[in-house]
């Protein structure tokens, strides 16, 4: 078992029911980590008398879910599985169910699931009674290496991913690697896309490590970035490497009914970002080739799925312009001679040409 502390900004006076008194929390990684749920709640939310377990239909049907024990009386609140659950309507539904179950502000919300569940349940906790404590039992590789860490919560709009949300830190995260045993292949791919991202953010040896070590290193890297910039005013934006195109592709896929997982989209976003960086003269062919190699080493494709070929460049640009990094321009996190950094004011033509390059490669 590996414990990774997340220590938030020293001297930051922001305080709320959903944040630790010392402005930090632990992420526990390892087989059987979820057994510590009751003790986590007793230690970090001592006034809680009731819990709300939020999960999705797939997790709720798993044999191990019946063993989830928050150590308090609790109700289970189930949403549909998949990205469509990240909707404002479900935030309202959860908050109404919390109220009907008698959940008080001093109680606790427990997200049991992947990134969708932690994003949704965390946001519901952030707005219920203007802020209630929550913790996460992360059950997917994506949530364990990235989504459950750092306090970003939120839901999607038809106009784009994660456009409504809040920074709301959990009181603890449990990454039980035993719960990954039954993950479908596509869900493994979703987590590995984020792992590929971390390879370019200071963890180049990541592919060589054991699974538990990979997860712990990703958590530690994200914790370090979040500690320095909790609310994404600066360096935290680098964690969005590969995500500008990824979120646009996900929005198109969601609208058109195409099954595209987040990590698959991030892998394509990394390849696209490398091509764009080369077009802007920031990197050379060898660095572009490395991006493709890393993506493939994690078992991911560097080609657009057939269902997404023939993308409308104007539609993709419109999603990119609404990206949260943008400041009324096209903004990307791109590789370069000083490493990965934020680049403002990218010309539309360069962004479109890089997209066409990715599409041409996908058709070969």
Protein backbone atom coordinates (compact mmCIF):
# COMPACT_ATOMS: atom_id res chain seq x y z
CA UNK A 1 0.00 0.00 0.00
CA UNK A 2 1.34 3.43 -0.98
CA UNK A 3 0.07 6.66 0.58
CA UNK A 4 0.57 9.86 -1.41
CA UNK A 5 -0.17 13.12 0.42
CA UNK A 6 -1.83 15.99 -1.44
CA UNK A 7 -0.74 19.18 0.33
CA UNK A 8 -2.59 22.28 -0.83
CA UNK A 9 -1.30 25.85 -0.99
CA UNK A 10 0.47 26.90 2.19
CA UNK A 11 -1.05 30.05 3.61
CA UNK A 12 -4.23 29.67 1.57
CA UNK A 13 -7.08 30.69 3.84
CA UNK A 14 -9.88 29.09 1.81
CA UNK A 15 -11.74 26.69 4.07
CA UNK A 16 -14.91 24.66 3.72
CA UNK A 17 -16.59 21.48 4.82
CA UNK A 18 -15.20 19.72 1.77
CA UNK A 19 -11.55 20.55 2.47
CA UNK A 20 -9.22 19.17 5.07
CA UNK A 21 -8.45 21.36 8.07
CA UNK A 22 -4.76 21.18 7.24
CA UNK A 23 -5.52 21.88 3.56
CA UNK A 24 -4.59 18.46 2.39
CA UNK A 25 -5.58 14.82 2.18
CA UNK A 26 -4.14 11.40 1.46
CA UNK A 27 -4.47 9.24 -1.62
CA UNK A 28 -4.05 5.58 -0.70
CA UNK A 29 -3.01 3.26 -3.54
CA UNK A 30 -2.97 -0.51 -3.32
CA UNK A 31 -4.90 -3.74 -3.20
CA UNK A 32 -7.68 -3.55 -0.62
CA UNK A 33 -7.46 0.23 -0.12
CA UNK A 34 -11.25 0.55 -0.13
CA UNK A 35 -11.45 -1.35 3.17
CA UNK A 36 -10.27 1.84 4.82
CA UNK A 37 -13.36 3.84 3.86
CA UNK A 38 -15.02 3.83 7.29
CA UNK A 39 -11.85 4.84 9.10
CA UNK A 40 -11.18 7.59 6.55
CA UNK A 41 -14.63 9.10 7.14
CA UNK A 42 -14.38 8.76 10.93
CA UNK A 43 -11.03 10.52 10.88
CA UNK A 44 -11.72 13.26 8.35
CA UNK A 45 -15.47 13.93 8.79
CA UNK A 46 -15.97 13.19 12.50
CA UNK A 47 -19.31 15.06 12.71
CA UNK A 48 -20.90 12.99 9.95
CA UNK A 49 -23.89 10.89 10.98
CA UNK A 50 -25.00 9.80 7.52
CA UNK A 51 -23.44 9.06 4.13
CA UNK A 52 -24.64 9.21 0.53
CA UNK A 53 -22.95 6.68 -1.75
CA UNK A 54 -23.06 7.84 -5.38
CA UNK A 55 -22.25 5.30 -8.06
CA UNK A 56 -23.27 4.23 -11.55
CA UNK A 57 -25.37 1.30 -12.68
CA UNK A 58 -22.37 -0.81 -13.73
CA UNK A 59 -20.50 -0.42 -10.43
CA UNK A 60 -23.69 -0.93 -8.41
CA UNK A 61 -24.10 -4.34 -10.08
CA UNK A 62 -20.55 -5.49 -9.23
CA UNK A 63 -20.31 -8.23 -6.61
CA UNK A 64 -17.89 -6.26 -4.43
CA UNK A 65 -20.11 -3.17 -4.20
CA UNK A 66 -22.20 -4.73 -1.44
CA UNK A 67 -19.09 -4.71 0.75
CA UNK A 68 -18.72 -0.91 0.62
CA UNK A 69 -18.95 0.23 4.24
CA UNK A 70 -18.76 3.93 5.12
CA UNK A 71 -19.24 3.08 8.79
CA UNK A 72 -22.46 5.13 8.91
CA UNK A 73 -26.09 4.70 7.88
CA UNK A 74 -26.20 5.40 4.15
CA UNK A 75 -28.31 5.53 1.00
CA UNK A 76 -27.13 4.52 -2.46
CA UNK A 77 -27.76 6.94 -5.34
CA UNK A 78 -27.27 5.42 -8.78
CA UNK A 79 -26.83 7.23 -12.09
CA UNK A 80 -26.47 5.80 -15.57
CA UNK A 81 -23.02 4.62 -16.60
CA UNK A 82 -21.06 6.68 -19.09
CA UNK A 83 -20.28 10.26 -20.00
CA UNK A 84 -23.92 11.20 -20.50
CA UNK A 85 -24.38 11.06 -16.72
CA UNK A 86 -22.25 14.21 -16.39
CA UNK A 87 -25.23 16.53 -16.82
CA UNK A 88 -26.70 19.37 -14.78
CA UNK A 89 -29.98 17.45 -14.55
CA UNK A 90 -28.19 14.74 -12.58
CA UNK A 91 -26.68 17.29 -10.19
CA UNK A 92 -30.21 18.48 -9.40
CA UNK A 93 -31.43 14.89 -9.09
CA UNK A 94 -28.66 13.96 -6.65
CA UNK A 95 -29.14 17.06 -4.52
CA UNK A 96 -32.88 16.41 -4.28
CA UNK A 97 -32.22 12.81 -3.29
CA UNK A 98 -29.71 13.98 -0.68
CA UNK A 99 -32.35 16.29 0.78
CA UNK A 100 -35.02 13.60 0.82
CA UNK A 101 -32.67 11.18 2.58
CA UNK A 102 -31.98 13.74 5.31
CA UNK A 103 -28.33 14.34 4.43
CA UNK A 104 -27.01 17.29 6.46
CA UNK A 105 -24.18 19.63 5.55
CA UNK A 106 -22.05 17.95 8.20
CA UNK A 107 -22.52 14.54 6.55
CA UNK A 108 -20.48 13.03 3.72
CA UNK A 109 -20.89 12.14 0.04
CA UNK A 110 -18.94 9.10 -1.14
CA UNK A 111 -18.21 8.75 -4.86
CA UNK A 112 -17.73 5.08 -5.76
CA UNK A 113 -16.78 4.73 -9.39
CA UNK A 114 -14.71 6.15 -12.19
CA UNK A 115 -14.03 9.67 -13.36
CA UNK A 116 -17.61 10.41 -14.36
CA UNK A 117 -18.91 9.50 -10.90
CA UNK A 118 -16.22 11.45 -9.02
CA UNK A 119 -16.76 14.53 -11.23
CA UNK A 120 -20.53 14.38 -10.80
CA UNK A 121 -20.70 13.43 -7.12
CA UNK A 122 -17.96 15.89 -6.22
CA UNK A 123 -19.81 18.73 -7.92
CA UNK A 124 -23.08 17.76 -6.24
CA UNK A 125 -21.25 17.78 -2.88
CA UNK A 126 -19.74 21.18 -3.70
CA UNK A 127 -23.14 22.79 -4.21
CA UNK A 128 -25.30 20.84 -1.76
CA UNK A 129 -25.82 23.05 1.32
CA UNK A 130 -23.15 25.26 -0.32
CA UNK A 131 -20.51 22.66 0.35
CA UNK A 132 -20.51 19.19 1.91
CA UNK A 133 -17.57 16.86 2.45
CA UNK A 134 -16.91 14.10 -0.05
CA UNK A 135 -14.42 11.33 -0.60
CA UNK A 136 -13.80 8.96 -3.47
CA UNK A 137 -13.34 5.23 -3.88
CA UNK A 138 -11.78 5.27 -7.34
CA UNK A 139 -12.71 2.13 -9.27
CA UNK A 140 -11.27 2.82 -12.74
CA UNK A 141 -7.70 3.33 -13.88
CA UNK A 142 -8.63 6.78 -15.21
CA UNK A 143 -9.98 7.94 -11.88
CA UNK A 144 -7.06 6.44 -9.95
CA UNK A 145 -4.32 8.10 -12.01
CA UNK A 146 -6.05 11.41 -12.63
CA UNK A 147 -9.76 12.20 -12.39
CA UNK A 148 -10.25 11.60 -8.65
CA UNK A 149 -7.20 13.67 -7.67
CA UNK A 150 -7.00 17.43 -7.36
CA UNK A 151 -10.51 18.63 -6.62
CA UNK A 152 -11.78 19.40 -10.12
CA UNK A 153 -15.47 18.53 -10.25
CA UNK A 154 -18.08 19.30 -12.87
CA UNK A 155 -20.42 18.34 -15.66
CA UNK A 156 -20.73 18.83 -19.39
CA UNK A 157 -22.92 21.08 -21.53
CA UNK A 158 -23.91 20.43 -25.15
CA UNK A 159 -21.46 23.24 -25.95
CA UNK A 160 -18.47 21.41 -24.45
CA UNK A 161 -16.95 19.22 -21.75
CA UNK A 162 -16.58 20.29 -18.13
CA UNK A 163 -17.87 23.81 -18.74
CA UNK A 164 -19.75 23.88 -15.42
CA UNK A 165 -18.05 22.85 -12.20
CA UNK A 166 -16.19 23.79 -9.07
CA UNK A 167 -12.83 23.28 -7.41
CA UNK A 168 -13.85 21.16 -4.42
CA UNK A 169 -11.26 19.02 -2.71
CA UNK A 170 -12.11 15.57 -1.35
CA UNK A 171 -11.21 14.60 2.21
CA UNK A 172 -9.49 11.49 0.89
CA UNK A 173 -9.15 9.18 -2.11
CA UNK A 174 -8.89 5.38 -2.01
CA UNK A 175 -7.39 3.75 -5.13
CA UNK A 176 -8.07 0.04 -4.68
CA UNK A 177 -6.12 -1.75 -7.40
CA UNK A 178 -8.07 -4.98 -6.74
CA UNK A 179 -11.16 -3.26 -8.18
CA UNK A 180 -9.42 -2.91 -11.54
CA UNK A 181 -9.39 -6.66 -12.16
CA UNK A 182 -12.78 -6.64 -13.87
CA UNK A 183 -12.28 -3.47 -15.93
CA UNK A 184 -13.19 -3.84 -19.62
CA UNK A 185 -10.37 -3.35 -22.12
CA UNK A 186 -11.72 0.04 -23.22
CA UNK A 187 -11.65 1.31 -19.63
CA UNK A 188 -8.00 0.29 -19.30
CA UNK A 189 -7.35 2.31 -22.45
CA UNK A 190 -9.06 5.30 -20.90
CA UNK A 191 -6.67 5.33 -17.96
CA UNK A 192 -3.60 4.63 -20.06
CA UNK A 193 -4.26 7.75 -22.13
CA UNK A 194 -3.71 9.83 -19.00
CA UNK A 195 -0.62 7.77 -18.15
CA UNK A 196 0.77 8.59 -21.60
CA UNK A 197 0.25 12.28 -20.82
CA UNK A 198 2.26 12.02 -17.59
CA UNK A 199 5.15 10.52 -19.55
CA UNK A 200 5.68 14.00 -21.03
CA UNK A 201 5.15 15.77 -17.70
CA UNK A 202 8.18 14.46 -15.85
CA UNK A 203 7.57 10.70 -15.69
CA UNK A 204 9.38 9.28 -18.77
CA UNK A 205 10.04 5.88 -17.15
CA UNK A 206 6.36 5.29 -16.37
CA UNK A 207 5.83 2.47 -18.93
CA UNK A 208 8.50 0.35 -17.17
CA UNK A 209 6.90 0.37 -13.70
CA UNK A 210 4.44 -1.97 -11.98
CA UNK A 211 0.78 -0.98 -12.06
CA UNK A 212 0.71 0.14 -8.42
CA UNK A 213 3.87 2.18 -8.92
CA UNK A 214 2.49 3.72 -12.12
CA UNK A 215 -0.64 4.86 -10.32
CA UNK A 216 1.31 6.21 -7.34
CA UNK A 217 3.74 8.12 -9.59
CA UNK A 218 0.86 9.69 -11.56
CA UNK A 219 -0.86 10.69 -8.32
CA UNK A 220 2.37 12.13 -6.89
CA UNK A 221 3.04 14.13 -10.06
CA UNK A 222 -0.47 15.54 -10.10
CA UNK A 223 -0.34 16.25 -6.36
CA UNK A 224 2.85 18.26 -6.86
CA UNK A 225 1.26 20.36 -9.61
CA UNK A 226 -2.00 20.87 -7.69
CA UNK A 227 -0.10 21.87 -4.55
CA UNK A 228 1.53 24.70 -6.49
CA UNK A 229 -1.59 25.83 -8.35
CA UNK A 230 -4.82 24.49 -6.90
CA UNK A 231 -7.21 26.60 -8.99
CA UNK A 232 -5.41 26.47 -12.32
CA UNK A 233 -4.15 30.03 -12.37
CA UNK A 234 -0.82 28.93 -13.81
CA UNK A 235 1.14 25.70 -13.98
CA UNK A 236 -1.81 23.36 -13.38
CA UNK A 237 -2.97 24.02 -16.92
CA UNK A 238 -0.11 21.78 -18.09
CA UNK A 239 -2.13 18.79 -16.83
CA UNK A 240 -4.38 19.48 -19.81
CA UNK A 241 -1.71 18.33 -22.25
CA UNK A 242 -3.46 16.57 -25.12
CA UNK A 243 -6.89 17.59 -23.84
CA UNK A 244 -7.78 20.48 -26.16
CA UNK A 245 -8.43 18.24 -29.15
CA UNK A 246 -9.47 15.38 -26.84
CA UNK A 247 -12.37 17.36 -25.36
CA UNK A 248 -13.44 18.52 -28.82
CA UNK A 249 -13.44 14.93 -30.10
CA UNK A 250 -15.37 13.77 -27.04
CA UNK A 251 -17.99 16.46 -27.59
CA UNK A 252 -18.42 15.43 -31.23
CA UNK A 253 -18.55 11.75 -30.26
CA UNK A 254 -21.13 12.40 -27.55
CA UNK A 255 -23.32 14.36 -29.96
CA UNK A 256 -23.07 11.73 -32.70
CA UNK A 257 -23.32 8.61 -30.51
CA UNK A 258 -19.75 7.42 -31.16
CA UNK A 259 -18.17 5.40 -28.32
CA UNK A 260 -14.91 7.24 -27.66
CA UNK A 261 -13.29 6.89 -24.24
CA UNK A 262 -11.49 9.79 -22.58
CA UNK A 263 -8.04 8.20 -22.63
CA UNK A 264 -8.42 7.24 -26.28
CA UNK A 265 -9.23 10.87 -27.05
CA UNK A 266 -6.27 12.09 -24.97
CA UNK A 267 -3.92 9.80 -26.89
CA UNK A 268 -5.12 11.35 -30.15
CA UNK A 269 -4.83 14.79 -28.56
CA UNK A 270 -1.19 14.11 -27.67
CA UNK A 271 -0.38 13.09 -31.23
CA UNK A 272 -2.23 16.12 -32.57
CA UNK A 273 -0.47 18.48 -30.14
CA UNK A 274 2.91 17.11 -31.24
CA UNK A 275 2.03 17.68 -34.89
CA UNK A 276 0.86 21.21 -34.14
CA UNK A 277 4.03 21.94 -32.15
CA UNK A 278 6.14 20.77 -35.11
CA UNK A 279 4.12 22.96 -37.46
CA UNK A 280 4.88 25.94 -35.20
CA UNK A 281 8.60 25.12 -35.22
CA UNK A 282 8.67 24.16 -31.54
CA UNK A 283 9.80 20.53 -31.95
CA UNK A 284 11.21 18.28 -34.67
CA UNK A 285 10.29 14.98 -36.26
CA UNK A 286 12.03 12.91 -33.58
CA UNK A 287 9.87 14.38 -30.83
CA UNK A 288 6.70 13.80 -32.85
CA UNK A 289 7.77 10.19 -33.37
CA UNK A 290 8.29 9.83 -29.59
CA UNK A 291 4.70 10.92 -28.95
CA UNK A 292 3.42 8.25 -31.30
CA UNK A 293 5.74 5.65 -29.77
CA UNK A 294 4.59 6.41 -26.21
CA UNK A 295 0.93 6.26 -27.20
CA UNK A 296 1.46 2.86 -28.81
CA UNK A 297 3.47 1.56 -25.83
CA UNK A 298 0.42 2.15 -23.69
CA UNK A 299 -1.65 0.10 -26.13
CA UNK A 300 -3.46 3.09 -27.63
CA UNK A 301 -4.09 4.07 -31.22
CA UNK A 302 -2.57 7.12 -32.88
CA UNK A 303 -5.27 7.04 -35.58
CA UNK A 304 -8.76 8.50 -35.54
CA UNK A 305 -11.49 5.84 -35.33
CA UNK A 306 -13.31 5.43 -38.67
CA UNK A 307 -16.51 6.89 -37.17
CA UNK A 308 -14.72 10.20 -36.58
CA UNK A 309 -12.98 10.56 -39.92
CA UNK A 310 -14.09 13.52 -41.98
CA UNK A 311 -14.34 15.92 -39.03
CA UNK A 312 -15.72 19.38 -39.66
CA UNK A 313 -12.76 21.71 -38.93
CA UNK A 314 -15.03 24.63 -38.01
CA UNK A 315 -16.91 22.51 -35.48
CA UNK A 316 -13.64 21.33 -33.92
CA UNK A 317 -12.34 24.90 -33.78
CA UNK A 318 -15.54 26.09 -32.12
CA UNK A 319 -15.09 23.54 -29.32
CA UNK A 320 -11.42 24.43 -28.99
CA UNK A 321 -12.21 28.13 -28.64
CA UNK A 322 -14.56 27.32 -25.76
CA UNK A 323 -11.86 25.32 -23.98
CA UNK A 324 -11.31 26.58 -20.43
CA UNK A 325 -7.66 27.45 -21.20
CA UNK A 326 -8.66 29.81 -23.99
CA UNK A 327 -8.68 33.57 -23.51
CA UNK A 328 -10.78 34.50 -26.55
CA UNK A 329 -8.20 32.79 -28.74
CA UNK A 330 -6.92 29.33 -29.64
CA UNK A 331 -4.81 28.16 -26.72
CA UNK A 332 -2.92 24.88 -26.47
CA UNK A 333 -0.51 23.13 -24.15
CA UNK A 334 2.37 22.25 -26.47
CA UNK A 335 5.77 20.63 -26.33
CA UNK A 336 8.81 22.77 -27.05
CA UNK A 337 12.49 23.37 -26.35
CA UNK A 338 11.70 24.18 -22.69
CA UNK A 339 9.31 21.25 -22.39
CA UNK A 340 5.52 21.35 -22.25
CA UNK A 341 4.08 24.86 -21.81
CA UNK A 342 1.01 27.00 -22.53
CA UNK A 343 0.85 28.67 -25.94
CA UNK A 344 -1.71 31.41 -26.68
CA UNK A 345 -2.82 32.85 -30.00
CA UNK A 346 -2.35 29.83 -32.27
CA UNK A 347 -3.54 30.64 -35.78
CA UNK A 348 -6.69 28.86 -36.97
CA UNK A 349 -4.92 27.74 -40.14
CA UNK A 350 -2.17 25.99 -38.17
CA UNK A 351 -4.72 24.25 -35.95
CA UNK A 352 -6.74 23.10 -38.98
CA UNK A 353 -3.66 21.99 -40.93
CA UNK A 354 -2.51 19.89 -37.95
CA UNK A 355 -5.99 18.33 -37.79
CA UNK A 356 -5.87 17.50 -41.49
CA UNK A 357 -2.45 15.94 -40.98
CA UNK A 358 -3.88 13.70 -38.26
CA UNK A 359 -6.80 12.74 -40.50
CA UNK A 360 -4.51 11.97 -43.45
CA UNK A 361 -2.39 9.67 -41.30
CA UNK A 362 -5.54 7.95 -40.02
CA UNK A 363 -6.62 7.16 -43.57
CA UNK A 364 -3.35 5.47 -44.55
